[in-house]
PDB file of N, CA and C in Angstrom:
ATOM      1  N   MET A   1     168.733 112.405 116.283  1.00  0.00           N
ATOM      2  CA  MET A   1     169.587 112.713 116.975  1.00  0.00           C
ATOM      3  C   MET A   1     169.014 112.589 118.770  1.00  0.00           C
ATOM      4  N   LYS A   2     167.819 112.617 118.841  1.00  0.00           N
ATOM      5  CA  LYS A   2     166.989 112.227 120.180  1.00  0.00           C
ATOM      6  C   LYS A   2     167.227 110.733 120.335  1.00  0.00           C
ATOM      7  N   TYR A   3     167.141 110.192 119.335  1.00  0.00           N
ATOM      8  CA  TYR A   3     167.364 108.430 119.398  1.00  0.00           C
ATOM      9  C   TYR A   3     168.672 108.325 119.882  1.00  0.00           C
ATOM     10  N   LEU A   4     169.729 108.794 119.375  1.00  0.00           N
ATOM     11  CA  LEU A   4     170.969 108.532 119.384  1.00  0.00           C
ATOM     12  C   LEU A   4     171.145 108.597 121.065  1.00  0.00           C
ATOM     13  N   LYS A   5     170.804 110.048 121.493  1.00  0.00           N
ATOM     14  CA  LYS A   5     171.257 110.328 122.930  1.00  0.00           C
ATOM     15  C   LYS A   5     170.628 109.464 123.696  1.00  0.00           C
ATOM     16  N   GLN A   6     169.334 109.353 123.394  1.00  0.00           N
ATOM     17  CA  GLN A   6     168.626 107.982 124.439  1.00  0.00           C
ATOM     18  C   GLN A   6     169.226 106.533 124.225  1.00  0.00           C
ATOM     19  N   PHE A   7     169.775 106.512 123.475  1.00  0.00           N
ATOM     20  CA  PHE A   7     170.466 105.065 123.122  1.00  0.00           C
ATOM     21  C   PHE A   7     171.578 105.376 124.237  1.00  0.00           C
ATOM     22  N   GLY A   8     172.352 106.136 123.907  1.00  0.00           N
ATOM     23  CA  GLY A   8     173.494 106.603 124.385  1.00  0.00           C
ATOM     24  C   GLY A   8     173.360 106.340 126.145  1.00  0.00           C
ATOM     25  N   LEU A   9     172.348 107.117 126.299  1.00  0.00           N
ATOM     26  CA  LEU A   9     171.738 107.296 128.136  1.00  0.00           C
ATOM     27  C   LEU A   9     171.647 105.554 128.569  1.00  0.00           C
ATOM     28  N   ILE A  10     170.892 105.088 128.059  1.00  0.00           N
ATOM     29  CA  ILE A  10     170.662 103.906 128.293  1.00  0.00           C
ATOM     30  C   ILE A  10     172.065 102.799 128.034  1.00  0.00           C
ATOM     31  N   CYS A  11     173.140 102.918 127.001  1.00  0.00           N
ATOM     32  CA  CYS A  11     174.165 102.061 126.853  1.00  0.00           C
ATOM     33  C   CYS A  11     175.100 102.492 128.340  1.00  0.00           C
ATOM     34  N   ALA A  12     175.202 103.930 128.372  1.00  0.00           N
ATOM     35  CA  ALA A  12     175.812 104.327 129.602  1.00  0.00           C
ATOM     36  C   ALA A  12     175.891 103.870 130.613  1.00  0.00           C
ATOM     37  N   ILE A  13     174.003 103.692 130.915  1.00  0.00           N
ATOM     38  CA  ILE A  13     173.990 103.089 132.449  1.00  0.00           C
ATOM     39  C   ILE A  13     174.173 101.858 132.579  1.00  0.00           C
ATOM     40  N   ALA A  14     173.766 101.134 131.427  1.00  0.00           N
ATOM     41  CA  ALA A  14     174.637  99.826 131.565  1.00  0.00           C
ATOM     42  C   ALA A  14     175.766  99.082 131.298  1.00  0.00           C
ATOM     43  N   LEU A  15     176.596 100.097 130.969  1.00  0.00           N
ATOM     44  CA  LEU A  15     178.044 100.047 131.228  1.00  0.00           C
ATOM     45  C   LEU A  15     178.502 100.329 132.594  1.00  0.00           C
ATOM     46  N   CYS A  16     177.719 101.223 133.070  1.00  0.00           N
ATOM     47  CA  CYS A  16     177.768 101.424 134.587  1.00  0.00           C
ATOM     48  C   CYS A  16     177.512 100.626 135.789  1.00  0.00           C
ATOM     49  N   GLY A  17     176.709  99.484 134.977  1.00  0.00           N
ATOM     50  CA  GLY A  17     176.147  98.084 136.066  1.00  0.00           C
ATOM     51  C   GLY A  17     177.279  97.152 135.950  1.00  0.00           C
ATOM     52  N   ASP A  18     177.840  97.411 134.466  1.00  0.00           N
ATOM     53  CA  ASP A  18     178.743  96.106 134.253  1.00  0.00           C
ATOM     54  C   ASP A  18     180.113  96.883 135.141  1.00  0.00           C
ATOM     55  N   LEU A  19     180.589  97.880 135.271  1.00  0.00           N
ATOM     56  CA  LEU A  19     181.841  98.355 135.864  1.00  0.00           C
ATOM     57  C   LEU A  19     181.383  98.137 137.309  1.00  0.00           C
ATOM     58  N   VAL A  20     180.627  98.259 137.772  1.00  0.00           N
ATOM     59  CA  VAL A  20     179.615  97.857 139.407  1.00  0.00           C
ATOM     60  C   VAL A  20     179.994  96.370 139.357  1.00  0.00           C
ATOM     61  N   LYS A  21     179.731  95.630 138.793  1.00  0.00           N
ATOM     62  CA  LYS A  21     179.506  94.311 138.690  1.00  0.00           C
ATOM     63  C   LYS A  21     181.369  93.821 138.869  1.00  0.00           C
ATOM     64  N   GLU A  22     181.982  94.395 137.604  1.00  0.00           N
ATOM     65  CA  GLU A  22     183.534  94.076 138.069  1.00  0.00           C
ATOM     66  C   GLU A  22     184.213  94.818 139.206  1.00  0.00           C
ATOM     67  N   ALA A  23     183.481  95.877 139.890  1.00  0.00           N
ATOM     68  CA  ALA A  23     184.553  96.493 141.122  1.00  0.00           C
ATOM     69  C   ALA A  23     183.787  95.594 142.394  1.00  0.00           C
ATOM     70  N   THR A  24     182.825  94.910 142.340  1.00  0.00           N
ATOM     71  CA  THR A  24     182.023  94.657 143.757  1.00  0.00           C
ATOM     72  C   THR A  24     182.323  93.145 143.228  1.00  0.00           C
ATOM     73  N   GLY A  25     182.078  92.732 142.196  1.00  0.00           N
ATOM     74  CA  GLY A  25     182.278  91.245 142.140  1.00  0.00           C
ATOM     75  C   GLY A  25     181.066  90.204 142.557  1.00  0.00           C
ATOM     76  N   LEU A  26     180.007  91.121 142.462  1.00  0.00           N
ATOM     77  CA  LEU A  26     178.504  90.586 142.636  1.00  0.00           C
ATOM     78  C   LEU A  26     178.346  89.429 141.871  1.00  0.00           C
ATOM     79  N   PRO A  27     177.274  88.502 142.299  1.00  0.00           N
ATOM     80  CA  PRO A  27     177.425  87.408 141.504  1.00  0.00           C
ATOM     81  C   PRO A  27     175.873  87.635 140.326  1.00  0.00           C
ATOM     82  N   ILE A  28     175.906  89.005 140.318  1.00  0.00           N
ATOM     83  CA  ILE A  28     174.802  89.336 139.274  1.00  0.00           C
ATOM     84  C   ILE A  28     175.183  89.866 138.180  1.00  0.00           C
ATOM     85  N   PRO A  29     174.694  89.645 136.686  1.00  0.00           N
ATOM     86  CA  PRO A  29     175.239  90.130 135.817  1.00  0.00           C
ATOM     87  C   PRO A  29     175.203  91.786 135.567  1.00  0.00           C
ATOM     88  N   GLY A  30     175.976  92.298 135.149  1.00  0.00           N
ATOM     89  CA  GLY A  30     176.256  93.900 135.072  1.00  0.00           C
ATOM     90  C   GLY A  30     174.765  94.606 133.733  1.00  0.00           C
ATOM     91  N   ASN A  31     174.290  93.780 133.349  1.00  0.00           N
ATOM     92  CA  ASN A  31     173.394  94.122 132.851  1.00  0.00           C
ATOM     93  C   ASN A  31     172.172  94.457 133.482  1.00  0.00           C
ATOM     94  N   ILE A  32     171.902  93.465 134.399  1.00  0.00           N
ATOM     95  CA  ILE A  32     170.961  93.357 135.344  1.00  0.00           C
ATOM     96  C   ILE A  32     171.320  94.538 136.477  1.00  0.00           C
ATOM     97  N   ILE A  33     172.300  94.523 136.731  1.00  0.00           N
ATOM     98  CA  ILE A  33     172.588  95.846 137.761  1.00  0.00           C
ATOM     99  C   ILE A  33     172.387  97.184 136.846  1.00  0.00           C
ATOM    100  N   GLY A  34     172.813  97.539 135.841  1.00  0.00           N
ATOM    101  CA  GLY A  34     172.401  98.702 135.218  1.00  0.00           C
ATOM    102  C   GLY A  34     171.167  98.697 134.761  1.00  0.00           C
ATOM    103  N   MET A  35     169.982  97.487 134.304  1.00  0.00           N
ATOM    104  CA  MET A  35     168.702  97.946 134.715  1.00  0.00           C
ATOM    105  C   MET A  35     168.198  98.205 135.937  1.00  0.00           C
ATOM    106  N   LEU A  36     168.938  98.141 136.854  1.00  0.00           N
ATOM    107  CA  LEU A  36     168.433  98.135 138.445  1.00  0.00           C
ATOM    108  C   LEU A  36     168.425  99.560 138.524  1.00  0.00           C
ATOM    109  N   MET A  37     169.807 100.100 138.344  1.00  0.00           N
ATOM    110  CA  MET A  37     170.339 101.367 138.020  1.00  0.00           C
ATOM    111  C   MET A  37     169.277 102.048 137.552  1.00  0.00           C
ATOM    112  N   LEU A  38     168.995 102.020 136.069  1.00  0.00           N
ATOM    113  CA  LEU A  38     168.074 102.644 135.632  1.00  0.00           C
ATOM    114  C   LEU A  38     166.420 102.808 136.350  1.00  0.00           C
ATOM    115  N   PHE A  39     166.068 102.090 136.716  1.00  0.00           N
ATOM    116  CA  PHE A  39     164.767 101.719 137.230  1.00  0.00           C
ATOM    117  C   PHE A  39     164.619 102.653 138.128  1.00  0.00           C
ATOM    118  N   PHE A  40     165.992 102.771 139.110  1.00  0.00           N
ATOM    119  CA  PHE A  40     165.826 103.805 140.511  1.00  0.00           C
ATOM    120  C   PHE A  40     166.142 105.102 140.264  1.00  0.00           C
ATOM    121  N   LEU A  41     167.055 105.270 139.071  1.00  0.00           N
ATOM    122  CA  LEU A  41     167.010 106.425 138.651  1.00  0.00           C
ATOM    123  C   LEU A  41     165.594 107.040 137.838  1.00  0.00           C
ATOM    124  N   LEU A  42     164.990 106.477 137.296  1.00  0.00           N
ATOM    125  CA  LEU A  42     163.647 107.116 136.929  1.00  0.00           C
ATOM    126  C   LEU A  42     162.657 107.096 138.252  1.00  0.00           C
ATOM    127  N   LEU A  43     163.192 105.663 138.928  1.00  0.00           N
ATOM    128  CA  LEU A  43     161.900 106.130 140.364  1.00  0.00           C
ATOM    129  C   LEU A  43     162.181 107.671 141.239  1.00  0.00           C
ATOM    130  N   THR A  44     163.424 107.904 141.266  1.00  0.00           N
ATOM    131  CA  THR A  44     163.499 108.764 141.941  1.00  0.00           C
ATOM    132  C   THR A  44     163.377 110.221 141.179  1.00  0.00           C
ATOM    133  N   GLY A  45     163.706 110.396 139.828  1.00  0.00           N
ATOM    134  CA  GLY A  45     163.199 111.331 138.835  1.00  0.00           C
ATOM    135  C   GLY A  45     164.712 111.912 138.632  1.00  0.00           C
ATOM    136  N   LEU A  46     166.076 111.429 138.864  1.00  0.00           N
ATOM    137  CA  LEU A  46     167.138 111.812 138.538  1.00  0.00           C
ATOM    138  C   LEU A  46     167.362 111.657 137.123  1.00  0.00           C
ATOM    139  N   VAL A  47     166.881 110.731 136.312  1.00  0.00           N
ATOM    140  CA  VAL A  47     166.497 110.588 134.818  1.00  0.00           C
ATOM    141  C   VAL A  47     165.094 110.584 134.407  1.00  0.00           C
ATOM    142  N   LYS A  48     164.705 111.855 133.857  1.00  0.00           N
ATOM    143  CA  LYS A  48     163.278 111.673 133.446  1.00  0.00           C
ATOM    144  C   LYS A  48     162.816 110.719 132.148  1.00  0.00           C
ATOM    145  N   LEU A  49     161.548 109.870 132.261  1.00  0.00           N
ATOM    146  CA  LEU A  49     161.138 108.880 131.459  1.00  0.00           C
ATOM    147  C   LEU A  49     161.589 109.526 130.200  1.00  0.00           C
ATOM    148  N   ASP A  50     161.161 110.677 129.870  1.00  0.00           N
ATOM    149  CA  ASP A  50     161.472 111.355 128.514  1.00  0.00           C
ATOM    150  C   ASP A  50     162.843 111.251 127.873  1.00  0.00           C
ATOM    151  N   ALA A  51     163.614 111.020 128.742  1.00  0.00           N
ATOM    152  CA  ALA A  51     164.765 110.922 127.956  1.00  0.00           C
ATOM    153  C   ALA A  51     165.179 109.388 127.422  1.00  0.00           C
ATOM    154  N   VAL A  52     164.737 108.274 127.789  1.00  0.00           N
ATOM    155  CA  VAL A  52     164.368 107.685 127.368  1.00  0.00           C
ATOM    156  C   VAL A  52     163.824 106.688 126.982  1.00  0.00           C
ATOM    157  N   GLU A  53     162.555 106.957 127.007  1.00  0.00           N
ATOM    158  CA  GLU A  53     160.868 106.781 126.654  1.00  0.00           C
ATOM    159  C   GLU A  53     160.921 105.830 125.148  1.00  0.00           C
ATOM    160  N   ASP A  54     161.024 106.687 124.242  1.00  0.00           N
ATOM    161  CA  ASP A  54     161.101 106.300 122.809  1.00  0.00           C
ATOM    162  C   ASP A  54     162.032 105.151 122.099  1.00  0.00           C
ATOM    163  N   THR A  55     163.354 105.158 122.516  1.00  0.00           N
ATOM    164  CA  THR A  55     164.353 104.195 122.264  1.00  0.00           C
ATOM    165  C   THR A  55     163.944 102.943 122.811  1.00  0.00           C
ATOM    166  N   ALA A  56     163.377 102.572 124.411  1.00  0.00           N
ATOM    167  CA  ALA A  56     163.172 101.790 124.918  1.00  0.00           C
ATOM    168  C   ALA A  56     162.042 100.985 124.386  1.00  0.00           C
ATOM    169  N   GLU A  57     161.080 101.875 124.111  1.00  0.00           N
ATOM    170  CA  GLU A  57     159.780 101.459 123.191  1.00  0.00           C
ATOM    171  C   GLU A  57     160.580 100.693 122.194  1.00  0.00           C
ATOM    172  N   TYR A  58     161.134 101.307 121.103  1.00  0.00           N
ATOM    173  CA  TYR A  58     161.488 100.890 120.233  1.00  0.00           C
ATOM    174  C   TYR A  58     162.228  99.612 120.153  1.00  0.00           C
ATOM    175  N   LEU A  59     163.370  99.298 121.301  1.00  0.00           N
ATOM    176  CA  LEU A  59     163.997  98.044 121.737  1.00  0.00           C
ATOM    177  C   LEU A  59     163.191  97.138 122.077  1.00  0.00           C
ATOM    178  N   MET A  60     162.124  97.502 122.896  1.00  0.00           N
ATOM    179  CA  MET A  60     161.421  96.355 123.449  1.00  0.00           C
ATOM    180  C   MET A  60     160.470  95.815 122.209  1.00  0.00           C
ATOM    181  N   SER A  61     159.827  96.538 120.989  1.00  0.00           N
ATOM    182  CA  SER A  61     159.695  96.433 120.117  1.00  0.00           C
ATOM    183  C   SER A  61     160.140  95.424 119.093  1.00  0.00           C
ATOM    184  N   ILE A  62     161.850  94.941 119.074  1.00  0.00           N
ATOM    185  CA  ILE A  62     162.505  94.531 118.441  1.00  0.00           C
ATOM    186  C   ILE A  62     163.111  93.441 118.969  1.00  0.00           C
ATOM    187  N   MET A  63     162.930  93.120 120.737  1.00  0.00           N
ATOM    188  CA  MET A  63     163.228  92.366 121.347  1.00  0.00           C
ATOM    189  C   MET A  63     163.544  91.113 120.931  1.00  0.00           C
ATOM    190  N   SER A  64     162.406  90.606 120.464  1.00  0.00           N
ATOM    191  CA  SER A  64     162.306  89.180 119.797  1.00  0.00           C
ATOM    192  C   SER A  64     163.824  88.590 119.011  1.00  0.00           C
ATOM    193  N   VAL A  65     163.800  89.682 117.921  1.00  0.00           N
ATOM    194  CA  VAL A  65     164.819  89.622 116.956  1.00  0.00           C
ATOM    195  C   VAL A  65     166.423  89.524 117.884  1.00  0.00           C
ATOM    196  N   MET A  66     166.107  89.851 119.053  1.00  0.00           N
ATOM    197  CA  MET A  66     167.413  89.488 120.237  1.00  0.00           C
ATOM    198  C   MET A  66     167.569  88.177 120.099  1.00  0.00           C
ATOM    199  N   PHE A  67     166.630  87.161 120.111  1.00  0.00           N
ATOM    200  CA  PHE A  67     166.562  85.724 120.301  1.00  0.00           C
ATOM    201  C   PHE A  67     167.556  85.180 119.383  1.00  0.00           C
ATOM    202  N   ILE A  68     167.216  85.661 118.020  1.00  0.00           N
ATOM    203  CA  ILE A  68     168.183  84.621 117.057  1.00  0.00           C
ATOM    204  C   ILE A  68     169.431  84.018 116.961  1.00  0.00           C
ATOM    205  N   PRO A  69     170.323  85.309 117.597  1.00  0.00           N
ATOM    206  CA  PRO A  69     171.331  84.356 117.831  1.00  0.00           C
ATOM    207  C   PRO A  69     171.566  83.436 119.005  1.00  0.00           C
ATOM    208  N   LEU A  70     170.788  83.337 119.906  1.00  0.00           N
ATOM    209  CA  LEU A  70     170.764  82.739 120.991  1.00  0.00           C
ATOM    210  C   LEU A  70     170.488  81.331 120.316  1.00  0.00           C
ATOM    211  N   GLY A  71     169.066  81.202 119.893  1.00  0.00           N
ATOM    212  CA  GLY A  71     168.736  80.213 119.271  1.00  0.00           C
ATOM    213  C   GLY A  71     169.329  79.345 118.307  1.00  0.00           C
ATOM    214  N   ALA A  72     170.158  80.128 117.353  1.00  0.00           N
ATOM    215  CA  ALA A  72     171.482  79.649 116.183  1.00  0.00           C
ATOM    216  C   ALA A  72     172.452  78.938 117.198  1.00  0.00           C
ATOM    217  N   GLY A  73     172.759  79.323 118.375  1.00  0.00           N
ATOM    218  CA  GLY A  73     173.468  79.057 119.337  1.00  0.00           C
ATOM    219  C   GLY A  73     173.160  77.801 119.518  1.00  0.00           C
ATOM    220  N   ILE A  74     172.091  77.727 120.195  1.00  0.00           N
ATOM    221  CA  ILE A  74     171.242  76.225 120.942  1.00  0.00           C
ATOM    222  C   ILE A  74     171.349  75.635 119.802  1.00  0.00           C
ATOM    223  N   LEU A  75     171.127  75.691 118.358  1.00  0.00           N
ATOM    224  CA  LEU A  75     171.177  74.532 117.512  1.00  0.00           C
ATOM    225  C   LEU A  75     172.797  74.200 117.101  1.00  0.00           C
ATOM    226  N   THR A  76     173.355  74.814 117.112  1.00  0.00           N
ATOM    227  CA  THR A  76     174.778  74.844 116.634  1.00  0.00           C
ATOM    228  C   THR A  76     175.576  73.698 117.651  1.00  0.00           C
ATOM    229  N   ASN A  77     174.883  73.862 118.964  1.00  0.00           N
ATOM    230  CA  ASN A  77     175.700  73.449 120.256  1.00  0.00           C
ATOM    231  C   ASN A  77     174.843  71.978 120.639  1.00  0.00           C
ATOM    232  N   PHE A  78     173.921  71.666 120.223  1.00  0.00           N
ATOM    233  CA  PHE A  78     172.520  70.825 120.651  1.00  0.00           C
ATOM    234  C   PHE A  78     173.667  69.475 120.975  1.00  0.00           C
ATOM    235  N   HIS A  79     174.516  69.185 120.643  1.00  0.00           N
ATOM    236  CA  HIS A  79     174.975  68.343 120.897  1.00  0.00           C
ATOM    237  C   HIS A  79     175.651  68.041 122.583  1.00  0.00           C
ATOM    238  N   HIS A  80     175.929  69.214 122.768  1.00  0.00           N
ATOM    239  CA  HIS A  80     176.562  69.671 124.389  1.00  0.00           C
ATOM    240  C   HIS A  80     175.656  69.841 125.259  1.00  0.00           C
ATOM    241  N   ILE A  81     174.338  70.022 125.149  1.00  0.00           N
ATOM    242  CA  ILE A  81     173.066  69.861 126.068  1.00  0.00           C
ATOM    243  C   ILE A  81     172.443  68.997 125.878  1.00  0.00           C
ATOM    244  N   GLN A  82     171.894  68.050 125.205  1.00  0.00           N
ATOM    245  CA  GLN A  82     170.974  67.233 124.722  1.00  0.00           C
ATOM    246  C   GLN A  82     170.790  66.133 125.968  1.00  0.00           C
ATOM    247  N   ASN A  83     172.338  65.890 126.920  1.00  0.00           N
ATOM    248  CA  ASN A  83     172.289  65.161 127.762  1.00  0.00           C
ATOM    249  C   ASN A  83     171.562  65.723 129.017  1.00  0.00           C
ATOM    250  N   ASP A  84     171.515  66.745 128.949  1.00  0.00           N
ATOM    251  CA  ASP A  84     170.925  67.925 130.250  1.00  0.00           C
ATOM    252  C   ASP A  84     169.681  68.355 130.009  1.00  0.00           C
ATOM    253  N   LEU A  85     169.405  67.900 128.577  1.00  0.00           N
ATOM    254  CA  LEU A  85     167.752  68.356 128.083  1.00  0.00           C
ATOM    255  C   LEU A  85     166.609  68.413 129.017  1.00  0.00           C
ATOM    256  N   LEU A  86     166.502  67.313 129.595  1.00  0.00           N
ATOM    257  CA  LEU A  86     165.386  67.252 130.538  1.00  0.00           C
ATOM    258  C   LEU A  86     165.679  68.326 131.723  1.00  0.00           C
ATOM    259  N   GLY A  87     166.300  68.326 132.351  1.00  0.00           N
ATOM    260  CA  GLY A  87     166.807  69.445 133.620  1.00  0.00           C
ATOM    261  C   GLY A  87     166.868  71.104 133.135  1.00  0.00           C
ATOM    262  N   ILE A  88     166.769  71.345 131.808  1.00  0.00           N
ATOM    263  CA  ILE A  88     166.896  72.207 131.123  1.00  0.00           C
ATOM    264  C   ILE A  88     165.816  72.451 130.916  1.00  0.00           C
ATOM    265  N   VAL A  89     164.731  71.768 130.235  1.00  0.00           N
ATOM    266  CA  VAL A  89     163.618  71.605 129.970  1.00  0.00           C
ATOM    267  C   VAL A  89     162.530  72.151 131.489  1.00  0.00           C
ATOM    268  N   LEU A  90     162.763  71.395 132.460  1.00  0.00           N
ATOM    269  CA  LEU A  90     162.243  71.436 133.720  1.00  0.00           C
ATOM    270  C   LEU A  90     162.417  72.399 134.375  1.00  0.00           C
ATOM    271  N   THR A  91     163.552  73.000 134.123  1.00  0.00           N
ATOM    272  CA  THR A  91     163.739  74.403 134.828  1.00  0.00           C
ATOM    273  C   THR A  91     163.681  75.424 133.917  1.00  0.00           C
ATOM    274  N   LEU A  92     163.241  75.435 132.626  1.00  0.00           N
ATOM    275  CA  LEU A  92     162.718  76.787 132.026  1.00  0.00           C
ATOM    276  C   LEU A  92     161.175  76.300 132.425  1.00  0.00           C
ATOM    277  N   VAL A  93     160.411  75.334 132.648  1.00  0.00           N
ATOM    278  CA  VAL A  93     158.982  75.277 132.902  1.00  0.00           C
ATOM    279  C   VAL A  93     158.530  75.892 134.481  1.00  0.00           C
ATOM    280  N   ALA A  94     159.875  75.676 135.249  1.00  0.00           N
ATOM    281  CA  ALA A  94     159.365  76.029 136.793  1.00  0.00           C
ATOM    282  C   ALA A  94     159.894  77.402 136.992  1.00  0.00           C
ATOM    283  N   THR A  95     160.574  78.071 136.160  1.00  0.00           N
ATOM    284  CA  THR A  95     161.077  79.632 136.258  1.00  0.00           C
ATOM    285  C   THR A  95     159.723  80.123 135.455  1.00  0.00           C
ATOM    286  N   THR A  96     159.684  79.707 134.683  1.00  0.00           N
ATOM    287  CA  THR A  96     158.124  80.460 133.958  1.00  0.00           C
ATOM    288  C   THR A  96     156.736  80.531 134.808  1.00  0.00           C
ATOM    289  N   VAL A  97     156.480  79.188 135.243  1.00  0.00           N
ATOM    290  CA  VAL A  97     155.527  79.366 136.315  1.00  0.00           C
ATOM    291  C   VAL A  97     155.898  80.496 137.552  1.00  0.00           C
ATOM    292  N   ALA A  98     157.007  80.105 137.764  1.00  0.00           N
ATOM    293  CA  ALA A  98     157.486  80.857 139.054  1.00  0.00           C
ATOM    294  C   ALA A  98     157.424  82.526 138.562  1.00  0.00           C
ATOM    295  N   THR A  99     157.819  82.929 137.398  1.00  0.00           N
ATOM    296  CA  THR A  99     157.753  84.015 136.697  1.00  0.00           C
ATOM    297  C   THR A  99     156.338  84.724 136.894  1.00  0.00           C
ATOM    298  N   PHE A 100     155.419  83.616 136.402  1.00  0.00           N
ATOM    299  CA  PHE A 100     153.695  84.080 135.569  1.00  0.00           C
ATOM    300  C   PHE A 100     153.454  84.441 137.287  1.00  0.00           C
ATOM    301  N   THR A 101     153.891  83.750 138.001  1.00  0.00           N
ATOM    302  CA  THR A 101     153.054  83.650 139.996  1.00  0.00           C
ATOM    303  C   THR A 101     153.304  85.090 140.288  1.00  0.00           C
ATOM    304  N   VAL A 102     154.322  84.949 140.177  1.00  0.00           N
ATOM    305  CA  VAL A 102     155.035  86.442 140.942  1.00  0.00           C
ATOM    306  C   VAL A 102     154.131  87.824 140.232  1.00  0.00           C
ATOM    307  N   THR A 103     154.252  87.696 139.186  1.00  0.00           N
ATOM    308  CA  THR A 103     153.933  88.449 138.526  1.00  0.00           C
ATOM    309  C   THR A 103     152.500  88.813 138.392  1.00  0.00           C
ATOM    310  N   GLY A 104     151.751  87.830 138.462  1.00  0.00           N
ATOM    311  CA  GLY A 104     150.492  87.847 138.848  1.00  0.00           C
ATOM    312  C   GLY A 104     150.049  88.240 140.161  1.00  0.00           C
ATOM    313  N   LEU A 105     150.714  88.244 141.662  1.00  0.00           N
ATOM    314  CA  LEU A 105     150.327  88.370 142.763  1.00  0.00           C
ATOM    315  C   LEU A 105     151.213  89.957 143.051  1.00  0.00           C
ATOM    316  N   VAL A 106     151.895  90.026 142.383  1.00  0.00           N
ATOM    317  CA  VAL A 106     152.407  91.721 141.915  1.00  0.00           C
ATOM    318  C   VAL A 106     151.398  92.382 141.641  1.00  0.00           C
ATOM    319  N   VAL A 107     150.844  92.311 140.185  1.00  0.00           N
ATOM    320  CA  VAL A 107     149.996  92.754 139.815  1.00  0.00           C
ATOM    321  C   VAL A 107     148.631  92.993 140.671  1.00  0.00           C
ATOM    322  N   GLU A 108     148.335  92.091 141.301  1.00  0.00           N
ATOM    323  CA  GLU A 108     147.338  91.872 142.052  1.00  0.00           C
ATOM    324  C   GLU A 108     147.244  92.958 143.425  1.00  0.00           C
ATOM    325  N   PHE A 109     148.472  92.893 143.943  1.00  0.00           N
ATOM    326  CA  PHE A 109     148.781  93.556 145.062  1.00  0.00           C
ATOM    327  C   PHE A 109     148.703  95.124 144.734  1.00  0.00           C
ATOM    328  N   LEU A 110     148.951  95.307 143.391  1.00  0.00           N
ATOM    329  CA  LEU A 110     149.116  96.710 143.110  1.00  0.00           C
ATOM    330  C   LEU A 110     147.806  97.381 142.868  1.00  0.00           C
ATOM    331  N   SER A 111     147.136  96.352 142.258  1.00  0.00           N
ATOM    332  CA  SER A 111     145.649  96.741 141.892  1.00  0.00           C
ATOM    333  C   SER A 111     144.711  96.910 143.115  1.00  0.00           C
ATOM    334  N   ARG A 112     145.239  96.617 144.008  1.00  0.00           N
ATOM    335  CA  ARG A 112     144.100  96.517 145.747  1.00  0.00           C
ATOM    336  C   ARG A 112     144.832  97.587 145.705  1.00  0.00           C
ATOM    337  N   ALA A 113     146.030  97.755 146.122  1.00  0.00           N
ATOM    338  CA  ALA A 113     146.562  99.115 146.677  1.00  0.00           C
ATOM    339  C   ALA A 113     146.284 100.331 146.153  1.00  0.00           C
ATOM    340  N   LYS A 114     145.845 100.253 144.634  1.00  0.00           N
ATOM    341  CA  LYS A 114     145.758 101.324 143.975  1.00  0.00           C
ATOM    342  C   LYS A 114     144.039 101.460 144.271  1.00  0.00           C
ATOM    343  N   GLU A 115     143.106 100.609 144.286  1.00  0.00           N
ATOM    344  CA  GLU A 115     141.913 100.625 144.581  1.00  0.00           C
ATOM    345  C   GLU A 115     141.924 101.414 145.876  1.00  0.00           C
ATOM    346  N   LYS A 116     142.639 101.101 146.749  1.00  0.00           N
ATOM    347  CA  LYS A 116     142.297 101.372 148.300  1.00  0.00           C
ATOM    348  C   LYS A 116     142.534 102.521 148.277  1.00  0.00           C
ATOM    349  N   SER A 117     143.904 102.814 147.438  1.00  0.00           N
ATOM    350  CA  SER A 117     144.119 104.327 147.571  1.00  0.00           C
ATOM    351  C   SER A 117     142.928 105.480 147.194  1.00  0.00           C
ATOM    352  N   LYS A 118     142.518 104.903 146.418  1.00  0.00           N
ATOM    353  CA  LYS A 118     141.039 105.831 145.162  1.00  0.00           C
ATOM    354  C   LYS A 118     140.182 105.665 146.446  1.00  0.00           C
ATOM    355  N   GLY A 119     139.965 104.790 147.130  1.00  0.00           N
ATOM    356  CA  GLY A 119     138.750 104.914 148.016  1.00  0.00           C
ATOM    357  C   GLY A 119     139.065 105.931 149.100  1.00  0.00           C
ATOM    358  N   GLU A 120     140.254 105.827 149.412  1.00  0.00           N
ATOM    359  CA  GLU A 120     140.569 106.890 150.914  1.00  0.00           C
ATOM    360  C   GLU A 120     140.692 108.369 150.523  1.00  0.00           C
ATOM    361  N   THR A 121     141.152 108.494 148.872  1.00  0.00           N
ATOM    362  CA  THR A 121     141.095 109.751 148.635  1.00  0.00           C
ATOM    363  C   THR A 121     139.639 110.805 148.592  1.00  0.00           C
ATOM    364  N   ALA A 122     138.166 109.348 147.783  1.00  0.00           N
ATOM    365  CA  ALA A 122     137.513 109.706 147.664  1.00  0.00           C
ATOM    366  C   ALA A 122     136.524 109.952 148.815  1.00  0.00           C
ATOM    367  N   HIS A 123     136.857 109.267 149.935  1.00  0.00           N
ATOM    368  CA  HIS A 123     136.194 110.033 151.233  1.00  0.00           C
ATOM    369  C   HIS A 123     136.922 111.079 151.970  1.00  0.00           C
ATOM    370  N   GLU A 124     137.760 111.903 151.318  1.00  0.00           N
ATOM    371  CA  GLU A 124     138.840 113.062 152.244  1.00  0.00           C
ATOM    372  C   GLU A 124     137.959 114.492 151.740  1.00  0.00           C
TER     373      GLU A 124
END
């Protein structure tokens, strides 16, 4: 029952993201808005990590399975995208490099900030 409650909470927040997108007309997918909402709810403590953690870990562990329909759709409709394949591949490579770069810089920044705060705490 715990997993069902956690999954229901995650789905409810995702639905709220969709509703916000529809109500505001933002050019951001509703599921992204929902995950940002979940992030801020966790950050502020309005939703405790225990309320979603187990189901979120399970969903992350099976995430690769969720790409099977996407891959099948690409193979089925390859004739529609083959003329734009070079642009698609270049976009994928550029966004992957950008994601790796930004992630690395954020991790480095947070690591330095954590070390700096440890150093300040030790001197007090």
